[in-house]
């Protein structure tokens, strides 16, 4: 006699089992989305993000630069230059200050010749009328500070000059 075994009937997948699997999948997807959202942190506006980056940079710099003691440097040689559009000359002694650290002073000493050349170029761009009086001297000091700071950044990657001072000032 031949073996006649009935093949197993195909299993019926119940609707309850399918619903349960879909529910578990949805729960896992929702949990993953929620975890990703919580891990990404709060969203900041561009202004808030810029302020946050500035605060991080200030903290990374160490002690607050505004609270640091200024460091002074005086160029030993006086500078003499013609003034623009006249036969007048100006002779000045220059000193600078920074709160950005000794590396700025070291960069000034290293690049002294280039900085002197830049100061002479700035001085020769001023007319006698524009350097007279306290306001004229303040404008010249600001122009010198801006030029020296940008040149230091260009040459050595450091900047942070706070002020330019005149140790002597003579117009003839």
Protein backbone atom coordinates (compact mmCIF):
# COMPACT_ATOMS: atom_id res chain seq x y z
CA UNK A 1 0.00 0.00 0.00
CA UNK A 2 1.16 3.38 -0.74
CA UNK A 3 1.72 5.98 1.84
CA UNK A 4 -0.85 8.60 1.48
CA UNK A 5 -0.11 11.34 3.87
CA UNK A 6 -2.05 14.41 3.77
CA UNK A 7 0.07 17.44 3.10
CA UNK A 8 -0.10 20.03 5.85
CA UNK A 9 -2.68 22.59 5.19
CA UNK A 10 -1.25 26.09 4.52
CA UNK A 11 -1.11 28.25 7.61
CA UNK A 12 -3.49 31.08 7.74
CA UNK A 13 -1.97 34.30 8.95
CA UNK A 14 -4.44 35.89 11.20
CA UNK A 15 -5.36 39.49 10.91
CA UNK A 16 -4.58 39.92 14.54
CA UNK A 17 -0.95 38.84 13.99
CA UNK A 18 -0.54 41.28 11.05
CA UNK A 19 -2.03 44.14 13.06
CA UNK A 20 0.29 43.34 15.95
CA UNK A 21 3.39 43.35 13.73
CA UNK A 22 2.37 46.68 12.14
CA UNK A 23 1.75 48.16 15.58
CA UNK A 24 5.19 47.07 16.84
CA UNK A 25 6.88 48.47 13.69
CA UNK A 26 5.10 51.82 14.08
CA UNK A 27 6.08 52.00 17.75
CA UNK A 28 9.74 51.33 16.95
CA UNK A 29 9.75 53.93 14.16
CA UNK A 30 8.14 56.50 16.46
CA UNK A 31 10.66 55.79 19.21
CA UNK A 32 13.55 56.21 16.76
CA UNK A 33 12.17 59.50 15.49
CA UNK A 34 11.65 60.82 19.02
CA UNK A 35 15.18 59.81 20.07
CA UNK A 36 16.68 61.48 17.02
CA UNK A 37 14.74 64.66 17.67
CA UNK A 38 15.81 64.77 21.32
CA UNK A 39 19.45 64.04 20.48
CA UNK A 40 19.68 66.83 17.90
CA UNK A 41 19.15 69.52 20.53
CA UNK A 42 17.23 72.76 20.30
CA UNK A 43 17.13 74.70 17.06
CA UNK A 44 18.56 78.25 17.23
CA UNK A 45 17.88 81.21 15.02
CA UNK A 46 20.87 82.43 12.97
CA UNK A 47 21.36 85.33 15.40
CA UNK A 48 21.28 83.04 18.43
CA UNK A 49 23.68 80.63 16.71
CA UNK A 50 26.12 83.48 15.98
CA UNK A 51 25.98 84.63 19.60
CA UNK A 52 26.54 81.06 20.80
CA UNK A 53 29.62 80.75 18.56
CA UNK A 54 31.01 84.06 19.82
CA UNK A 55 30.55 82.93 23.42
CA UNK A 56 32.32 79.65 22.68
CA UNK A 57 35.21 81.53 21.05
CA UNK A 58 35.50 83.86 24.05
CA UNK A 59 35.51 80.92 26.45
CA UNK A 60 38.12 79.09 24.38
CA UNK A 61 40.36 82.17 24.47
CA UNK A 62 40.76 81.73 28.20
CA UNK A 63 40.32 84.60 30.61
CA UNK A 64 38.08 87.41 29.48
CA UNK A 65 40.15 89.73 27.26
CA UNK A 66 38.38 92.78 28.66
CA UNK A 67 39.60 91.86 32.16
CA UNK A 68 43.19 91.16 31.07
CA UNK A 69 45.90 93.68 31.80
CA UNK A 70 47.02 95.59 28.70
CA UNK A 71 50.48 94.90 27.31
CA UNK A 72 52.33 97.89 25.86
CA UNK A 73 54.95 98.08 23.14
CA UNK A 74 56.80 101.20 21.99
CA UNK A 75 58.52 101.52 18.63
CA UNK A 76 61.91 102.95 19.58
CA UNK A 77 62.49 104.88 16.35
CA UNK A 78 60.43 107.97 15.62
CA UNK A 79 58.63 108.12 12.27
CA UNK A 80 59.00 111.11 9.95
CA UNK A 81 56.77 111.60 6.90
CA UNK A 82 55.62 114.30 4.51
CA UNK A 83 51.98 115.25 4.81
CA UNK A 84 49.77 114.99 1.75
CA UNK A 85 49.44 118.08 -0.44
CA UNK A 86 51.87 120.32 1.44
CA UNK A 87 55.47 120.89 2.41
CA UNK A 88 54.66 120.08 6.03
CA UNK A 89 56.06 117.07 7.79
CA UNK A 90 54.93 115.08 10.79
CA UNK A 91 57.23 113.29 13.23
CA UNK A 92 55.70 110.88 15.70
CA UNK A 93 56.72 108.36 18.31
CA UNK A 94 54.35 105.40 18.40
CA UNK A 95 53.31 102.92 21.07
CA UNK A 96 50.59 100.29 20.96
CA UNK A 97 48.59 98.27 23.48
CA UNK A 98 46.85 94.92 23.36
CA UNK A 99 44.95 92.67 25.70
CA UNK A 100 45.18 89.72 23.29
CA UNK A 101 48.41 88.38 24.78
CA UNK A 102 52.15 88.31 24.36
CA UNK A 103 51.90 86.63 20.93
CA UNK A 104 50.69 89.96 19.47
CA UNK A 105 53.75 91.78 20.88
CA UNK A 106 56.02 89.00 19.59
CA UNK A 107 54.47 89.38 16.12
CA UNK A 108 55.04 93.16 16.25
CA UNK A 109 58.72 92.65 17.09
CA UNK A 110 59.10 90.05 14.33
CA UNK A 111 57.46 92.21 11.64
CA UNK A 112 58.65 95.61 12.86
CA UNK A 113 60.04 96.71 9.47
CA UNK A 114 56.83 95.96 7.55
CA UNK A 115 54.76 97.69 10.23
CA UNK A 116 56.96 100.81 10.11
CA UNK A 117 56.51 100.93 6.34
CA UNK A 118 52.74 100.68 6.71
CA UNK A 119 52.70 103.44 9.33
CA UNK A 120 54.67 105.74 7.02
CA UNK A 121 52.23 105.03 4.18
CA UNK A 122 49.25 105.85 6.39
CA UNK A 123 50.88 109.04 7.70
CA UNK A 124 51.67 110.32 4.21
CA UNK A 125 47.99 109.99 3.28
CA UNK A 126 46.96 112.63 5.82
CA UNK A 127 46.94 116.38 5.13
CA UNK A 128 48.15 118.93 7.65
CA UNK A 129 44.55 120.03 8.32
CA UNK A 130 43.48 116.47 9.14
CA UNK A 131 46.14 115.83 11.79
CA UNK A 132 45.73 119.09 13.68
CA UNK A 133 43.92 119.02 16.98
CA UNK A 134 42.80 116.16 19.20
CA UNK A 135 40.27 114.85 16.67
CA UNK A 136 42.88 114.73 13.91
CA UNK A 137 45.30 112.85 16.11
CA UNK A 138 42.54 110.42 17.10
CA UNK A 139 41.74 109.79 13.41
CA UNK A 140 45.41 109.18 12.63
CA UNK A 141 45.75 106.84 15.63
CA UNK A 142 42.64 104.88 14.54
CA UNK A 143 43.93 104.60 10.96
CA UNK A 144 47.32 103.38 12.21
CA UNK A 145 45.70 100.86 14.56
CA UNK A 146 43.46 99.44 11.81
CA UNK A 147 46.35 99.14 9.35
CA UNK A 148 48.74 97.58 11.87
CA UNK A 149 46.12 95.10 13.06
CA UNK A 150 45.23 93.99 9.54
CA UNK A 151 48.92 93.67 8.61
CA UNK A 152 49.62 91.57 11.72
CA UNK A 153 46.73 89.30 10.78
CA UNK A 154 48.07 89.01 7.25
CA UNK A 155 51.69 88.32 8.25
CA UNK A 156 51.36 86.18 11.35
CA UNK A 157 47.71 85.27 11.83
CA UNK A 158 47.34 87.21 15.08
CA UNK A 159 45.54 90.45 15.74
CA UNK A 160 44.09 92.31 18.66
CA UNK A 161 45.67 95.75 18.85
CA UNK A 162 43.57 97.82 21.17
CA UNK A 163 45.06 101.30 20.86
CA UNK A 164 47.81 103.33 19.23
CA UNK A 165 49.45 106.01 21.36
CA UNK A 166 51.67 108.90 20.34
CA UNK A 167 54.69 109.24 22.61
CA UNK A 168 55.65 112.37 20.62
CA UNK A 169 53.86 114.35 17.94
CA UNK A 170 55.40 117.18 15.94
CA UNK A 171 54.09 118.91 12.80
CA UNK A 172 56.44 121.31 10.95
